[in-house]
Amino acid sequence: MSDKQTPDEFYDKLKTQLYDTTAWPAEYLYKFIVKSDPKKIAEIDGIFNNLGAVIKTQPSKNGKYTSISISVKLKDPETVVEKYKEVTENVEGVISL
């Protein structure tokens, strides 16, 4: 997201790109970075619970941060954006890639 782009503008652009480049339903790969706090990791895990997601975590070299990769089959770009928003609204300090 650029400095001049609002989150809504970013998500609208993302939805358009996903509609233009992907046949839905499709697998989508989310990537997040959080401080290595089991509670934060569990919060993200809970957001994708019951979706059949494959979740992989990788601590940083010094262990301060954890990278979380989530592969999940979703029905449309709106669902992709809903999950991004749910994570950013519920998990403090998360970075979405």
PDB file of N, CA and C in Angstrom:
ATOM      1  N   MET A   1       0.858  -1.168   0.000  1.00  0.00           N
ATOM      2  CA  MET A   1       0.000   0.000   0.000  1.00  0.00           C
ATOM      3  C   MET A   1       0.903   1.230   0.000  1.00  0.00           C
ATOM      4  N   SER A   2       0.657   2.169  -0.903  1.00  0.00           N
ATOM      5  CA  SER A   2       1.471   3.383  -0.959  1.00  0.00           C
ATOM      6  C   SER A   2       1.030   4.359   0.129  1.00  0.00           C
ATOM      7  N   ASP A   3       1.875   5.361   0.399  1.00  0.00           N
ATOM      8  CA  ASP A   3       1.576   6.344   1.433  1.00  0.00           C
ATOM      9  C   ASP A   3       0.308   7.132   1.141  1.00  0.00           C
ATOM     10  N   LYS A   4      -0.009   7.325  -0.135  1.00  0.00           N
ATOM     11  CA  LYS A   4      -1.172   8.140  -0.505  1.00  0.00           C
ATOM     12  C   LYS A   4      -2.438   7.309  -0.700  1.00  0.00           C
ATOM     13  N   GLN A   5      -2.327   6.011  -0.604  1.00  0.00           N
ATOM     14  CA  GLN A   5      -3.454   5.115  -0.839  1.00  0.00           C
ATOM     15  C   GLN A   5      -4.110   4.741   0.485  1.00  0.00           C
ATOM     16  N   THR A   6      -5.439   4.892   0.547  1.00  0.00           N
ATOM     17  CA  THR A   6      -6.158   4.498   1.753  1.00  0.00           C
ATOM     18  C   THR A   6      -6.315   2.974   1.759  1.00  0.00           C
ATOM     19  N   PRO A   7      -6.574   2.387   2.929  1.00  0.00           N
ATOM     20  CA  PRO A   7      -6.807   0.939   2.953  1.00  0.00           C
ATOM     21  C   PRO A   7      -7.952   0.514   2.025  1.00  0.00           C
ATOM     22  N   ASP A   8      -9.031   1.286   1.980  1.00  0.00           N
ATOM     23  CA  ASP A   8     -10.152   0.930   1.098  1.00  0.00           C
ATOM     24  C   ASP A   8      -9.732   0.935  -0.370  1.00  0.00           C
ATOM     25  N   GLU A   9      -8.931   1.924  -0.761  1.00  0.00           N
ATOM     26  CA  GLU A   9      -8.451   1.980  -2.147  1.00  0.00           C
ATOM     27  C   GLU A   9      -7.565   0.775  -2.451  1.00  0.00           C
ATOM     28  N   PHE A  10      -6.704   0.430  -1.482  1.00  0.00           N
ATOM     29  CA  PHE A  10      -5.839  -0.729  -1.653  1.00  0.00           C
ATOM     30  C   PHE A  10      -6.663  -2.002  -1.842  1.00  0.00           C
ATOM     31  N   TYR A  11      -7.651  -2.218  -0.980  1.00  0.00           N
ATOM     32  CA  TYR A  11      -8.473  -3.431  -1.057  1.00  0.00           C
ATOM     33  C   TYR A  11      -9.311  -3.467  -2.329  1.00  0.00           C
ATOM     34  N   ASP A  12      -9.813  -2.321  -2.771  1.00  0.00           N
ATOM     35  CA  ASP A  12     -10.570  -2.273  -4.033  1.00  0.00           C
ATOM     36  C   ASP A  12      -9.677  -2.671  -5.206  1.00  0.00           C
ATOM     37  N   LYS A  13      -8.450  -2.159  -5.209  1.00  0.00           N
ATOM     38  CA  LYS A  13      -7.509  -2.493  -6.283  1.00  0.00           C
ATOM     39  C   LYS A  13      -7.161  -3.982  -6.233  1.00  0.00           C
ATOM     40  N   LEU A  14      -6.949  -4.501  -5.033  1.00  0.00           N
ATOM     41  CA  LEU A  14      -6.646  -5.920  -4.879  1.00  0.00           C
ATOM     42  C   LEU A  14      -7.786  -6.782  -5.411  1.00  0.00           C
ATOM     43  N   LYS A  15      -9.025  -6.436  -5.051  1.00  0.00           N
ATOM     44  CA  LYS A  15     -10.182  -7.215  -5.539  1.00  0.00           C
ATOM     45  C   LYS A  15     -10.233  -7.222  -7.061  1.00  0.00           C
ATOM     46  N   THR A  16     -10.026  -6.057  -7.672  1.00  0.00           N
ATOM     47  CA  THR A  16     -10.054  -5.956  -9.132  1.00  0.00           C
ATOM     48  C   THR A  16      -8.972  -6.832  -9.749  1.00  0.00           C
ATOM     49  N   GLN A  17      -7.757  -6.756  -9.201  1.00  0.00           N
ATOM     50  CA  GLN A  17      -6.663  -7.576  -9.723  1.00  0.00           C
ATOM     51  C   GLN A  17      -6.962  -9.065  -9.580  1.00  0.00           C
ATOM     52  N   LEU A  18      -7.526  -9.460  -8.445  1.00  0.00           N
ATOM     53  CA  LEU A  18      -7.833 -10.876  -8.231  1.00  0.00           C
ATOM     54  C   LEU A  18      -8.918 -11.362  -9.187  1.00  0.00           C
ATOM     55  N   TYR A  19      -9.934 -10.541  -9.440  1.00  0.00           N
ATOM     56  CA  TYR A  19     -10.965 -10.918 -10.408  1.00  0.00           C
ATOM     57  C   TYR A  19     -10.378 -11.050 -11.806  1.00  0.00           C
ATOM     58  N   ASP A  20      -9.443 -10.154 -12.150  1.00  0.00           N
ATOM     59  CA  ASP A  20      -8.870 -10.146 -13.493  1.00  0.00           C
ATOM     60  C   ASP A  20      -7.874 -11.272 -13.741  1.00  0.00           C
ATOM     61  N   THR A  21      -7.256 -11.798 -12.690  1.00  0.00           N
ATOM     62  CA  THR A  21      -6.157 -12.737 -12.890  1.00  0.00           C
ATOM     63  C   THR A  21      -6.422 -14.156 -12.389  1.00  0.00           C
ATOM     64  N   THR A  22      -7.558 -14.382 -11.730  1.00  0.00           N
ATOM     65  CA  THR A  22      -7.779 -15.672 -11.077  1.00  0.00           C
ATOM     66  C   THR A  22      -9.176 -16.199 -11.351  1.00  0.00           C
ATOM     67  N   ALA A  23      -9.272 -17.502 -11.566  1.00  0.00           N
ATOM     68  CA  ALA A  23     -10.575 -18.163 -11.693  1.00  0.00           C
ATOM     69  C   ALA A  23     -11.006 -18.600 -10.299  1.00  0.00           C
ATOM     70  N   TRP A  24     -12.172 -18.167  -9.870  1.00  0.00           N
ATOM     71  CA  TRP A  24     -12.661 -18.434  -8.510  1.00  0.00           C
ATOM     72  C   TRP A  24     -13.679 -19.543  -8.508  1.00  0.00           C
ATOM     73  N   PRO A  25     -13.740 -20.363  -7.444  1.00  0.00           N
ATOM     74  CA  PRO A  25     -12.933 -20.370  -6.229  1.00  0.00           C
ATOM     75  C   PRO A  25     -11.482 -20.736  -6.529  1.00  0.00           C
ATOM     76  N   ALA A  26     -10.573 -20.297  -5.628  1.00  0.00           N
ATOM     77  CA  ALA A  26      -9.144 -20.512  -5.853  1.00  0.00           C
ATOM     78  C   ALA A  26      -8.389 -20.558  -4.528  1.00  0.00           C
ATOM     79  N   GLU A  27      -7.198 -21.145  -4.584  1.00  0.00           N
ATOM     80  CA  GLU A  27      -6.284 -21.124  -3.443  1.00  0.00           C
ATOM     81  C   GLU A  27      -5.692 -19.721  -3.349  1.00  0.00           C
ATOM     82  N   TYR A  28      -5.605 -19.199  -2.134  1.00  0.00           N
ATOM     83  CA  TYR A  28      -4.989 -17.891  -1.913  1.00  0.00           C
ATOM     84  C   TYR A  28      -3.965 -18.036  -0.800  1.00  0.00           C
ATOM     85  N   LEU A  29      -2.823 -17.392  -0.965  1.00  0.00           N
ATOM     86  CA  LEU A  29      -1.760 -17.456   0.031  1.00  0.00           C
ATOM     87  C   LEU A  29      -1.639 -16.120   0.743  1.00  0.00           C
ATOM     88  N   TYR A  30      -1.923 -16.141   2.035  1.00  0.00           N
ATOM     89  CA  TYR A  30      -1.741 -14.970   2.893  1.00  0.00           C
ATOM     90  C   TYR A  30      -0.371 -15.076   3.542  1.00  0.00           C
ATOM     91  N   LYS A  31       0.255 -13.913   3.770  1.00  0.00           N
ATOM     92  CA  LYS A  31       1.498 -13.876   4.537  1.00  0.00           C
ATOM     93  C   LYS A  31       1.397 -12.736   5.534  1.00  0.00           C
ATOM     94  N   PHE A  32       1.690 -13.067   6.785  1.00  0.00           N
ATOM     95  CA  PHE A  32       1.652 -12.083   7.863  1.00  0.00           C
ATOM     96  C   PHE A  32       2.939 -12.191   8.667  1.00  0.00           C
ATOM     97  N   ILE A  33       3.303 -11.088   9.312  1.00  0.00           N
ATOM     98  CA  ILE A  33       4.409 -11.080  10.258  1.00  0.00           C
ATOM     99  C   ILE A  33       3.895 -10.482  11.554  1.00  0.00           C
ATOM    100  N   VAL A  34       4.178 -11.169  12.664  1.00  0.00           N
ATOM    101  CA  VAL A  34       3.789 -10.680  13.994  1.00  0.00           C
ATOM    102  C   VAL A  34       4.961 -10.870  14.944  1.00  0.00           C
ATOM    103  N   LYS A  35       4.934 -10.143  16.056  1.00  0.00           N
ATOM    104  CA  LYS A  35       5.909 -10.424  17.112  1.00  0.00           C
ATOM    105  C   LYS A  35       5.673 -11.861  17.565  1.00  0.00           C
ATOM    106  N   SER A  36       6.727 -12.533  17.946  1.00  0.00           N
ATOM    107  CA  SER A  36       6.624 -13.949  18.345  1.00  0.00           C
ATOM    108  C   SER A  36       5.908 -14.078  19.681  1.00  0.00           C
ATOM    109  N   ASP A  37       4.605 -13.946  19.611  1.00  0.00           N
ATOM    110  CA  ASP A  37       3.734 -14.035  20.781  1.00  0.00           C
ATOM    111  C   ASP A  37       2.705 -15.132  20.485  1.00  0.00           C
ATOM    112  N   PRO A  38       2.713 -16.226  21.254  1.00  0.00           N
ATOM    113  CA  PRO A  38       1.774 -17.322  20.982  1.00  0.00           C
ATOM    114  C   PRO A  38       0.317 -16.863  20.909  1.00  0.00           C
ATOM    115  N   LYS A  39      -0.048 -15.832  21.667  1.00  0.00           N
ATOM    116  CA  LYS A  39      -1.431 -15.337  21.640  1.00  0.00           C
ATOM    117  C   LYS A  39      -1.767 -14.730  20.274  1.00  0.00           C
ATOM    118  N   LYS A  40      -0.855 -13.942  19.716  1.00  0.00           N
ATOM    119  CA  LYS A  40      -1.096 -13.326  18.403  1.00  0.00           C
ATOM    120  C   LYS A  40      -1.178 -14.388  17.305  1.00  0.00           C
ATOM    121  N   ILE A  41      -0.300 -15.365  17.381  1.00  0.00           N
ATOM    122  CA  ILE A  41      -0.316 -16.448  16.394  1.00  0.00           C
ATOM    123  C   ILE A  41      -1.622 -17.230  16.490  1.00  0.00           C
ATOM    124  N   ALA A  42      -2.080 -17.486  17.709  1.00  0.00           N
ATOM    125  CA  ALA A  42      -3.344 -18.203  17.920  1.00  0.00           C
ATOM    126  C   ALA A  42      -4.534 -17.385  17.417  1.00  0.00           C
ATOM    127  N   GLU A  43      -4.479 -16.055  17.563  1.00  0.00           N
ATOM    128  CA  GLU A  43      -5.566 -15.200  17.063  1.00  0.00           C
ATOM    129  C   GLU A  43      -5.694 -15.329  15.548  1.00  0.00           C
ATOM    130  N   ILE A  44      -4.565 -15.289  14.857  1.00  0.00           N
ATOM    131  CA  ILE A  44      -4.590 -15.433  13.392  1.00  0.00           C
ATOM    132  C   ILE A  44      -5.073 -16.822  13.018  1.00  0.00           C
ATOM    133  N   ASP A  45      -4.576 -17.835  13.700  1.00  0.00           N
ATOM    134  CA  ASP A  45      -5.006 -19.213  13.455  1.00  0.00           C
ATOM    135  C   ASP A  45      -6.525 -19.334  13.610  1.00  0.00           C
ATOM    136  N   GLY A  46      -7.058 -18.701  14.648  1.00  0.00           N
ATOM    137  CA  GLY A  46      -8.499 -18.761  14.896  1.00  0.00           C
ATOM    138  C   GLY A  46      -9.338 -18.129  13.804  1.00  0.00           C
ATOM    139  N   ILE A  47      -8.819 -17.078  13.172  1.00  0.00           N
ATOM    140  CA  ILE A  47      -9.549 -16.401  12.097  1.00  0.00           C
ATOM    141  C   ILE A  47      -9.716 -17.326  10.897  1.00  0.00           C
ATOM    142  N   PHE A  48      -8.756 -18.215  10.687  1.00  0.00           N
ATOM    143  CA  PHE A  48      -8.818 -19.127   9.539  1.00  0.00           C
ATOM    144  C   PHE A  48      -9.280 -20.528   9.936  1.00  0.00           C
ATOM    145  N   ASN A  49      -9.695 -20.689  11.193  1.00  0.00           N
ATOM    146  CA  ASN A  49     -10.172 -21.964  11.690  1.00  0.00           C
ATOM    147  C   ASN A  49     -11.425 -22.389  10.907  1.00  0.00           C
ATOM    148  N   ASN A  50     -11.582 -23.663  10.683  1.00  0.00           N
ATOM    149  CA  ASN A  50     -12.748 -24.239   9.990  1.00  0.00           C
ATOM    150  C   ASN A  50     -12.826 -23.888   8.512  1.00  0.00           C
ATOM    151  N   LEU A  51     -11.718 -23.419   7.920  1.00  0.00           N
ATOM    152  CA  LEU A  51     -11.709 -23.130   6.481  1.00  0.00           C
ATOM    153  C   LEU A  51     -10.844 -24.131   5.712  1.00  0.00           C
ATOM    154  N   GLY A  52     -10.255 -25.072   6.419  1.00  0.00           N
ATOM    155  CA  GLY A  52      -9.365 -26.033   5.774  1.00  0.00           C
ATOM    156  C   GLY A  52      -8.034 -25.414   5.392  1.00  0.00           C
ATOM    157  N   ALA A  53      -7.624 -24.368   6.083  1.00  0.00           N
ATOM    158  CA  ALA A  53      -6.387 -23.672   5.764  1.00  0.00           C
ATOM    159  C   ALA A  53      -5.167 -24.476   6.209  1.00  0.00           C
ATOM    160  N   VAL A  54      -4.102 -24.362   5.422  1.00  0.00           N
ATOM    161  CA  VAL A  54      -2.806 -24.910   5.797  1.00  0.00           C
ATOM    162  C   VAL A  54      -1.989 -23.733   6.317  1.00  0.00           C
ATOM    163  N   ILE A  55      -1.606 -23.805   7.588  1.00  0.00           N
ATOM    164  CA  ILE A  55      -0.919 -22.686   8.239  1.00  0.00           C
ATOM    165  C   ILE A  55       0.484 -23.124   8.626  1.00  0.00           C
ATOM    166  N   LYS A  56       1.477 -22.336   8.179  1.00  0.00           N
ATOM    167  CA  LYS A  56       2.875 -22.618   8.499  1.00  0.00           C
ATOM    168  C   LYS A  56       3.467 -21.391   9.176  1.00  0.00           C
ATOM    169  N   THR A  57       4.236 -21.615  10.219  1.00  0.00           N
ATOM    170  CA  THR A  57       4.901 -20.520  10.914  1.00  0.00           C
ATOM    171  C   THR A  57       6.407 -20.706  10.833  1.00  0.00           C
ATOM    172  N   GLN A  58       7.108 -19.578  10.804  1.00  0.00           N
ATOM    173  CA  GLN A  58       8.565 -19.598  10.747  1.00  0.00           C
ATOM    174  C   GLN A  58       9.103 -18.448  11.588  1.00  0.00           C
ATOM    175  N   PRO A  59       9.806 -18.759  12.678  1.00  0.00           N
ATOM    176  CA  PRO A  59      10.374 -17.676  13.489  1.00  0.00           C
ATOM    177  C   PRO A  59      11.522 -16.990  12.745  1.00  0.00           C
ATOM    178  N   SER A  60      11.719 -15.709  13.031  1.00  0.00           N
ATOM    179  CA  SER A  60      12.845 -14.986  12.447  1.00  0.00           C
ATOM    180  C   SER A  60      14.141 -15.514  13.046  1.00  0.00           C
ATOM    181  N   LYS A  61      15.254 -15.100  12.467  1.00  0.00           N
ATOM    182  CA  LYS A  61      16.561 -15.584  12.904  1.00  0.00           C
ATOM    183  C   LYS A  61      16.800 -15.341  14.394  1.00  0.00           C
ATOM    184  N   ASN A  62      16.394 -14.167  14.870  1.00  0.00           N
ATOM    185  CA  ASN A  62      16.607 -13.860  16.287  1.00  0.00           C
ATOM    186  C   ASN A  62      15.411 -14.235  17.163  1.00  0.00           C
ATOM    187  N   GLY A  63      14.329 -14.743  16.538  1.00  0.00           N
ATOM    188  CA  GLY A  63      13.170 -15.202  17.294  1.00  0.00           C
ATOM    189  C   GLY A  63      12.212 -14.115  17.739  1.00  0.00           C
ATOM    190  N   LYS A  64      12.485 -12.872  17.357  1.00  0.00           N
ATOM    191  CA  LYS A  64      11.631 -11.763  17.793  1.00  0.00           C
ATOM    192  C   LYS A  64      10.298 -11.725  17.035  1.00  0.00           C
ATOM    193  N   TYR A  65      10.323 -12.141  15.771  1.00  0.00           N
ATOM    194  CA  TYR A  65       9.126 -12.116  14.929  1.00  0.00           C
ATOM    195  C   TYR A  65       8.842 -13.500  14.372  1.00  0.00           C
ATOM    196  N   THR A  66       7.588 -13.706  13.971  1.00  0.00           N
ATOM    197  CA  THR A  66       7.190 -14.959  13.338  1.00  0.00           C
ATOM    198  C   THR A  66       6.463 -14.640  12.034  1.00  0.00           C
ATOM    199  N   SER A  67       6.860 -15.333  10.983  1.00  0.00           N
ATOM    200  CA  SER A  67       6.191 -15.243   9.690  1.00  0.00           C
ATOM    201  C   SER A  67       5.124 -16.330   9.661  1.00  0.00           C
ATOM    202  N   ILE A  68       3.921 -15.950   9.225  1.00  0.00           N
ATOM    203  CA  ILE A  68       2.817 -16.903   9.140  1.00  0.00           C
ATOM    204  C   ILE A  68       2.326 -16.945   7.699  1.00  0.00           C
ATOM    205  N   SER A  69       2.366 -18.123   7.085  1.00  0.00           N
ATOM    206  CA  SER A  69       1.858 -18.337   5.729  1.00  0.00           C
ATOM    207  C   SER A  69       0.602 -19.176   5.827  1.00  0.00           C
ATOM    208  N   ILE A  70      -0.452 -18.715   5.160  1.00  0.00           N
ATOM    209  CA  ILE A  70      -1.740 -19.407   5.231  1.00  0.00           C
ATOM    210  C   ILE A  70      -2.248 -19.631   3.813  1.00  0.00           C
ATOM    211  N   SER A  71      -2.387 -20.889   3.448  1.00  0.00           N
ATOM    212  CA  SER A  71      -2.927 -21.248   2.144  1.00  0.00           C
ATOM    213  C   SER A  71      -4.337 -21.786   2.361  1.00  0.00           C
ATOM    214  N   VAL A  72      -5.291 -21.163   1.676  1.00  0.00           N
ATOM    215  CA  VAL A  72      -6.687 -21.546   1.886  1.00  0.00           C
ATOM    216  C   VAL A  72      -7.483 -21.343   0.598  1.00  0.00           C
ATOM    217  N   LYS A  73      -8.429 -22.237   0.344  1.00  0.00           N
ATOM    218  CA  LYS A  73      -9.294 -22.114  -0.829  1.00  0.00           C
ATOM    219  C   LYS A  73     -10.465 -21.211  -0.458  1.00  0.00           C
ATOM    220  N   LEU A  74     -10.637 -20.144  -1.241  1.00  0.00           N
ATOM    221  CA  LEU A  74     -11.704 -19.177  -0.980  1.00  0.00           C
ATOM    222  C   LEU A  74     -12.585 -19.016  -2.209  1.00  0.00           C
ATOM    223  N   LYS A  75     -13.822 -18.553  -1.964  1.00  0.00           N
ATOM    224  CA  LYS A  75     -14.803 -18.506  -3.051  1.00  0.00           C
ATOM    225  C   LYS A  75     -14.670 -17.301  -3.968  1.00  0.00           C
ATOM    226  N   ASP A  76     -14.162 -16.157  -3.445  1.00  0.00           N
ATOM    227  CA  ASP A  76     -14.088 -14.958  -4.279  1.00  0.00           C
ATOM    228  C   ASP A  76     -13.171 -13.909  -3.639  1.00  0.00           C
ATOM    229  N   PRO A  77     -12.800 -12.871  -4.390  1.00  0.00           N
ATOM    230  CA  PRO A  77     -11.933 -11.823  -3.859  1.00  0.00           C
ATOM    231  C   PRO A  77     -12.512 -11.083  -2.652  1.00  0.00           C
ATOM    232  N   GLU A  78     -13.841 -10.980  -2.550  1.00  0.00           N
ATOM    233  CA  GLU A  78     -14.431 -10.332  -1.379  1.00  0.00           C
ATOM    234  C   GLU A  78     -14.050 -11.072  -0.099  1.00  0.00           C
ATOM    235  N   THR A  79     -14.031 -12.400  -0.167  1.00  0.00           N
ATOM    236  CA  THR A  79     -13.661 -13.207   0.992  1.00  0.00           C
ATOM    237  C   THR A  79     -12.186 -12.997   1.334  1.00  0.00           C
ATOM    238  N   VAL A  80     -11.340 -12.869   0.317  1.00  0.00           N
ATOM    239  CA  VAL A  80      -9.913 -12.594   0.542  1.00  0.00           C
ATOM    240  C   VAL A  80      -9.767 -11.305   1.342  1.00  0.00           C
ATOM    241  N   VAL A  81     -10.447 -10.254   0.905  1.00  0.00           N
ATOM    242  CA  VAL A  81     -10.349  -8.950   1.565  1.00  0.00           C
ATOM    243  C   VAL A  81     -10.954  -9.001   2.968  1.00  0.00           C
ATOM    244  N   GLU A  82     -12.079  -9.697   3.129  1.00  0.00           N
ATOM    245  CA  GLU A  82     -12.709  -9.815   4.454  1.00  0.00           C
ATOM    246  C   GLU A  82     -11.731 -10.403   5.470  1.00  0.00           C
ATOM    247  N   LYS A  83     -10.985 -11.430   5.054  1.00  0.00           N
ATOM    248  CA  LYS A  83     -10.034 -12.069   5.966  1.00  0.00           C
ATOM    249  C   LYS A  83      -8.866 -11.137   6.290  1.00  0.00           C
ATOM    250  N   TYR A  84      -8.369 -10.400   5.281  1.00  0.00           N
ATOM    251  CA  TYR A  84      -7.317  -9.414   5.562  1.00  0.00           C
ATOM    252  C   TYR A  84      -7.798  -8.408   6.604  1.00  0.00           C
ATOM    253  N   LYS A  85      -9.007  -7.894   6.403  1.00  0.00           N
ATOM    254  CA  LYS A  85      -9.555  -6.900   7.335  1.00  0.00           C
ATOM    255  C   LYS A  85      -9.747  -7.494   8.718  1.00  0.00           C
ATOM    256  N   GLU A  86     -10.234  -8.715   8.785  1.00  0.00           N
ATOM    257  CA  GLU A  86     -10.458  -9.366  10.076  1.00  0.00           C
ATOM    258  C   GLU A  86      -9.145  -9.515  10.846  1.00  0.00           C
ATOM    259  N   VAL A  87      -8.088  -9.892  10.147  1.00  0.00           N
ATOM    260  CA  VAL A  87      -6.790 -10.035  10.812  1.00  0.00           C
ATOM    261  C   VAL A  87      -6.279  -8.678  11.285  1.00  0.00           C
ATOM    262  N   THR A  88      -6.284  -7.673  10.411  1.00  0.00           N
ATOM    263  CA  THR A  88      -5.730  -6.370  10.795  1.00  0.00           C
ATOM    264  C   THR A  88      -6.546  -5.681  11.881  1.00  0.00           C
ATOM    265  N   GLU A  89      -7.845  -5.953  11.939  1.00  0.00           N
ATOM    266  CA  GLU A  89      -8.690  -5.343  12.961  1.00  0.00           C
ATOM    267  C   GLU A  89      -8.572  -6.054  14.313  1.00  0.00           C
ATOM    268  N   ASN A  90      -8.183  -7.332  14.314  1.00  0.00           N
ATOM    269  CA  ASN A  90      -8.196  -8.115  15.545  1.00  0.00           C
ATOM    270  C   ASN A  90      -6.831  -8.463  16.125  1.00  0.00           C
ATOM    271  N   VAL A  91      -5.785  -8.316  15.335  1.00  0.00           N
ATOM    272  CA  VAL A  91      -4.451  -8.694  15.792  1.00  0.00           C
ATOM    273  C   VAL A  91      -3.562  -7.454  15.777  1.00  0.00           C
ATOM    274  N   GLU A  92      -3.262  -6.953  16.951  1.00  0.00           N
ATOM    275  CA  GLU A  92      -2.478  -5.725  17.068  1.00  0.00           C
ATOM    276  C   GLU A  92      -1.049  -5.929  16.574  1.00  0.00           C
ATOM    277  N   GLY A  93      -0.590  -4.987  15.745  1.00  0.00           N
ATOM    278  CA  GLY A  93       0.793  -4.998  15.285  1.00  0.00           C
ATOM    279  C   GLY A  93       1.099  -5.945  14.149  1.00  0.00           C
ATOM    280  N   VAL A  94       0.088  -6.547  13.549  1.00  0.00           N
ATOM    281  CA  VAL A  94       0.327  -7.481  12.453  1.00  0.00           C
ATOM    282  C   VAL A  94       0.723  -6.710  11.192  1.00  0.00           C
ATOM    283  N   ILE A  95       1.631  -7.296  10.428  1.00  0.00           N
ATOM    284  CA  ILE A  95       2.032  -6.753   9.125  1.00  0.00           C
ATOM    285  C   ILE A  95       1.529  -7.716   8.069  1.00  0.00           C
ATOM    286  N   SER A  96       0.766  -7.222   7.110  1.00  0.00           N
ATOM    287  CA  SER A  96       0.262  -8.041   6.008  1.00  0.00           C
ATOM    288  C   SER A  96       1.171  -7.845   4.806  1.00  0.00           C
ATOM    289  N   LEU A  97       1.551  -8.944   4.190  1.00  0.00           N
ATOM    290  CA  LEU A  97       2.405  -8.861   3.003  1.00  0.00           C
ATOM    291  C   LEU A  97       1.628  -9.224   1.772  1.00  0.00           C
TER     292      LEU A  97
END
